[in-house]
Amino acid sequence: MSVSMKREKRATSASTSPLCFLVTTIGGRYFGFEAEYLLGVQTSENGESLQDPVVQGITYRVVDLAVRLNLATEGRWDRTQGVLLEDGRRRGCVSVQKVHGLLDVHLSQLLPLPAQFRGPERVWYRGMILFDHSVVLVLNTAWVLEEQLEGVVSKIESQGTESIVALQGTMQSKDQAC
């Protein structure tokens, strides 16, 4: 496996605006990641599954968006790539089928979601961009990585290492409910 840090080939665009997105494919659909949260791309060959990569001593837990978004995938991918993202304390490595490159767009090219998007998916996506006779759904990085932060907390709690203060707060709130 190898990691390349922000050296992807740029996809072409007529605009030179400051908005930049990494365009990928997952389950046959295009998804975009905001470049400002992008740290790099990890590549594995021959369908090797991505393990939680460690870059400069920091672990990036693998995020399987195909599962989270309930996307049908054609079994194992010949080549898997991981998009390394970081947003404050949250970080992760999103498994993707293919990285198409960076795409610069003007703010007016980032279109709002159509009215059909009424439920929780309004939090999942920031908008959409027309690309290659299709649409790129721009993912909300905070939503993509929120499971990673919550996953760490729930893992700590499941291992029985909750703090005494947290347990006392729970006990007090249960007593008040009686």
Protein backbone atom coordinates (compact mmCIF):
# COMPACT_ATOMS: atom_id res chain seq x y z
CA MET A 1 0.00 0.00 0.00
CA SER A 2 1.15 3.50 -0.66
CA VAL A 3 0.06 6.96 0.44
CA SER A 4 0.30 10.04 -1.73
CA MET A 5 -0.16 13.36 -0.05
CA LYS A 6 -2.19 15.92 -2.05
CA ARG A 7 -0.53 15.19 -5.37
CA GLU A 8 -3.54 13.96 -7.36
CA LYS A 9 -3.96 14.91 -11.00
CA ARG A 10 -6.44 17.78 -11.43
CA ALA A 11 -9.62 17.20 -13.42
CA THR A 12 -10.33 19.99 -15.88
CA SER A 13 -12.77 22.83 -15.28
CA ALA A 14 -13.46 26.11 -17.05
CA SER A 15 -13.49 27.99 -13.76
CA THR A 16 -10.51 29.03 -11.62
CA SER A 17 -12.55 29.74 -8.49
CA PRO A 18 -11.27 28.86 -5.01
CA LEU A 19 -13.67 25.92 -4.45
CA CYS A 20 -11.85 22.63 -4.94
CA PHE A 21 -13.16 19.07 -4.59
CA LEU A 22 -11.65 15.60 -4.91
CA VAL A 23 -13.95 13.60 -7.22
CA THR A 24 -14.27 9.86 -6.52
CA THR A 25 -16.48 6.92 -7.41
CA ILE A 26 -18.18 4.67 -4.85
CA GLY A 27 -20.72 2.07 -5.95
CA GLY A 28 -20.87 3.52 -9.46
CA ARG A 29 -21.73 7.04 -8.24
CA TYR A 30 -19.62 10.17 -8.12
CA PHE A 31 -18.88 11.72 -4.74
CA GLY A 32 -16.87 14.84 -3.96
CA PHE A 33 -14.77 15.64 -0.91
CA GLU A 34 -13.80 19.19 0.01
CA ALA A 35 -10.08 19.53 -0.74
CA GLU A 36 -9.46 21.66 2.36
CA TYR A 37 -10.01 18.53 4.50
CA LEU A 38 -7.98 16.24 2.21
CA LEU A 39 -4.65 14.95 3.49
CA GLY A 40 -3.87 12.43 0.78
CA VAL A 41 -4.85 9.20 -0.97
CA GLN A 42 -3.86 5.68 0.02
CA THR A 43 -3.80 2.96 -2.64
CA SER A 44 -3.97 -0.82 -2.33
CA GLU A 45 -3.64 -3.20 -5.27
CA ASN A 46 -5.32 -6.53 -6.10
CA GLY A 47 -8.42 -5.89 -4.01
CA GLU A 48 -6.56 -5.74 -0.69
CA SER A 49 -8.90 -4.33 1.88
CA LEU A 50 -7.79 -1.10 3.48
CA GLN A 51 -6.68 -1.35 7.07
CA ASP A 52 -6.70 1.67 9.39
CA PRO A 53 -3.67 3.51 7.99
CA VAL A 54 -1.18 5.21 10.28
CA VAL A 55 0.32 8.37 8.82
CA GLN A 56 2.94 10.30 10.79
CA GLY A 57 1.92 8.42 13.94
CA ILE A 58 -1.81 9.20 13.57
CA THR A 59 -4.37 6.43 12.92
CA TYR A 60 -7.06 7.09 10.33
CA ARG A 61 -9.97 4.70 10.88
CA VAL A 62 -11.45 3.30 7.66
CA VAL A 63 -14.92 4.65 6.77
CA ASP A 64 -17.02 2.43 4.49
CA LEU A 65 -19.41 4.90 2.85
CA ALA A 66 -20.77 2.20 0.54
CA VAL A 67 -22.27 0.54 3.62
CA ARG A 68 -23.34 3.81 5.31
CA LEU A 69 -25.10 5.02 2.16
CA ASN A 70 -26.47 1.55 1.35
CA LEU A 71 -24.84 1.50 -2.10
CA ALA A 72 -24.68 -1.74 -4.06
CA THR A 73 -21.11 -2.58 -5.02
CA GLU A 74 -19.96 -5.28 -7.40
CA GLY A 75 -18.13 -7.42 -4.83
CA ARG A 76 -14.44 -6.76 -4.29
CA TRP A 77 -12.82 -3.90 -6.13
CA ASP A 78 -9.66 -4.63 -8.15
CA ARG A 79 -8.07 -1.50 -6.79
CA THR A 80 -9.14 0.21 -3.59
CA GLN A 81 -8.18 3.72 -2.67
CA GLY A 82 -8.60 5.47 0.65
CA VAL A 83 -9.19 9.20 0.89
CA LEU A 84 -7.49 10.51 4.04
CA LEU A 85 -9.56 13.28 5.63
CA GLU A 86 -9.17 15.40 8.75
CA ASP A 87 -11.58 17.91 10.28
CA GLY A 88 -10.35 19.11 13.66
CA ARG A 89 -10.22 16.10 16.02
CA ARG A 90 -12.06 13.89 13.54
CA ARG A 91 -10.11 11.95 10.96
CA GLY A 92 -10.73 8.97 8.74
CA CYS A 93 -9.84 7.06 5.59
CA VAL A 94 -12.82 6.69 3.22
CA SER A 95 -12.77 3.62 0.96
CA VAL A 96 -13.44 4.54 -2.67
CA GLN A 97 -13.34 2.61 -5.95
CA LYS A 98 -11.60 5.29 -7.97
CA VAL A 99 -10.14 8.77 -7.55
CA HIS A 100 -10.78 10.91 -10.65
CA GLY A 101 -8.80 13.95 -9.47
CA LEU A 102 -9.24 17.45 -8.15
CA LEU A 103 -11.94 19.67 -9.63
CA ASP A 104 -11.95 23.45 -9.27
CA VAL A 105 -15.41 25.00 -9.49
CA HIS A 106 -16.92 28.44 -9.16
CA LEU A 107 -19.32 28.91 -6.23
CA SER A 108 -22.23 29.16 -8.70
CA GLN A 109 -21.40 25.64 -9.98
CA LEU A 110 -22.07 24.12 -6.55
CA LEU A 111 -25.79 23.48 -6.90
CA PRO A 112 -28.21 23.01 -3.98
CA LEU A 113 -29.86 19.65 -3.44
CA PRO A 114 -33.20 19.20 -5.22
CA ALA A 115 -36.46 19.25 -3.24
CA GLN A 116 -36.60 15.41 -3.27
CA PHE A 117 -33.85 15.43 -0.64
CA ARG A 118 -36.01 16.03 2.44
CA GLY A 119 -34.76 13.62 5.09
CA PRO A 120 -31.45 12.99 6.82
CA GLU A 121 -29.61 13.10 3.49
CA ARG A 122 -29.75 16.90 3.69
CA VAL A 123 -27.05 16.55 6.37
CA TRP A 124 -25.03 14.03 4.35
CA TYR A 125 -24.50 16.28 1.32
CA ARG A 126 -23.47 19.93 0.84
CA GLY A 127 -24.74 20.10 -2.73
CA MET A 128 -23.95 18.75 -6.17
CA ILE A 129 -21.78 19.55 -9.19
CA LEU A 130 -22.34 18.61 -12.82
CA PHE A 131 -19.48 16.37 -13.96
CA ASP A 132 -18.82 14.03 -16.89
CA HIS A 133 -22.47 13.80 -18.04
CA SER A 134 -23.49 13.02 -14.46
CA VAL A 135 -23.66 14.57 -11.00
CA VAL A 136 -21.11 14.64 -8.18
CA LEU A 137 -22.72 14.62 -4.75
CA VAL A 138 -20.52 16.75 -2.48
CA LEU A 139 -20.24 15.03 0.89
CA ASN A 140 -20.43 16.87 4.20
CA THR A 141 -17.05 16.08 5.77
CA ALA A 142 -18.36 16.54 9.31
CA TRP A 143 -21.04 13.89 8.68
CA VAL A 144 -18.57 11.50 6.99
CA LEU A 145 -16.21 11.71 9.98
CA GLU A 146 -18.73 12.02 12.83
CA GLU A 147 -19.01 8.26 13.15
CA GLN A 148 -15.27 8.13 13.74
CA LEU A 149 -15.46 10.45 16.76
CA GLU A 150 -18.60 8.75 18.10
CA GLY A 151 -17.07 5.33 17.36
CA VAL A 152 -14.07 6.11 19.57
CA VAL A 153 -16.34 7.24 22.41
CA SER A 154 -18.61 4.18 22.15
CA LYS A 155 -15.58 1.87 21.91
CA ILE A 156 -14.13 3.36 25.10
CA GLU A 157 -17.51 3.03 26.82
CA SER A 158 -17.94 -0.59 25.70
CA GLN A 159 -14.52 -1.44 27.16
CA GLY A 160 -15.72 -0.24 30.57
CA THR A 161 -13.38 2.72 30.82
CA GLU A 162 -16.03 5.39 31.33
CA SER A 163 -15.00 8.10 33.69
CA ILE A 164 -16.39 8.14 37.23
CA VAL A 165 -17.72 11.65 36.62
CA ALA A 166 -19.75 10.44 33.62
CA LEU A 167 -21.12 7.53 35.64
CA GLN A 168 -22.00 9.81 38.56
CA GLY A 169 -23.83 12.16 36.21
CA THR A 170 -25.83 9.22 34.86
CA MET A 171 -26.67 8.00 38.35
CA GLN A 172 -27.78 11.48 39.44
CA SER A 173 -30.03 11.89 36.40
CA LYS A 174 -31.61 8.45 37.06
CA ASP A 175 -32.24 9.41 40.70
CA GLN A 176 -33.94 12.65 39.63
CA ALA A 177 -36.22 10.74 37.26
CA CYS A 178 -37.66 8.62 40.12
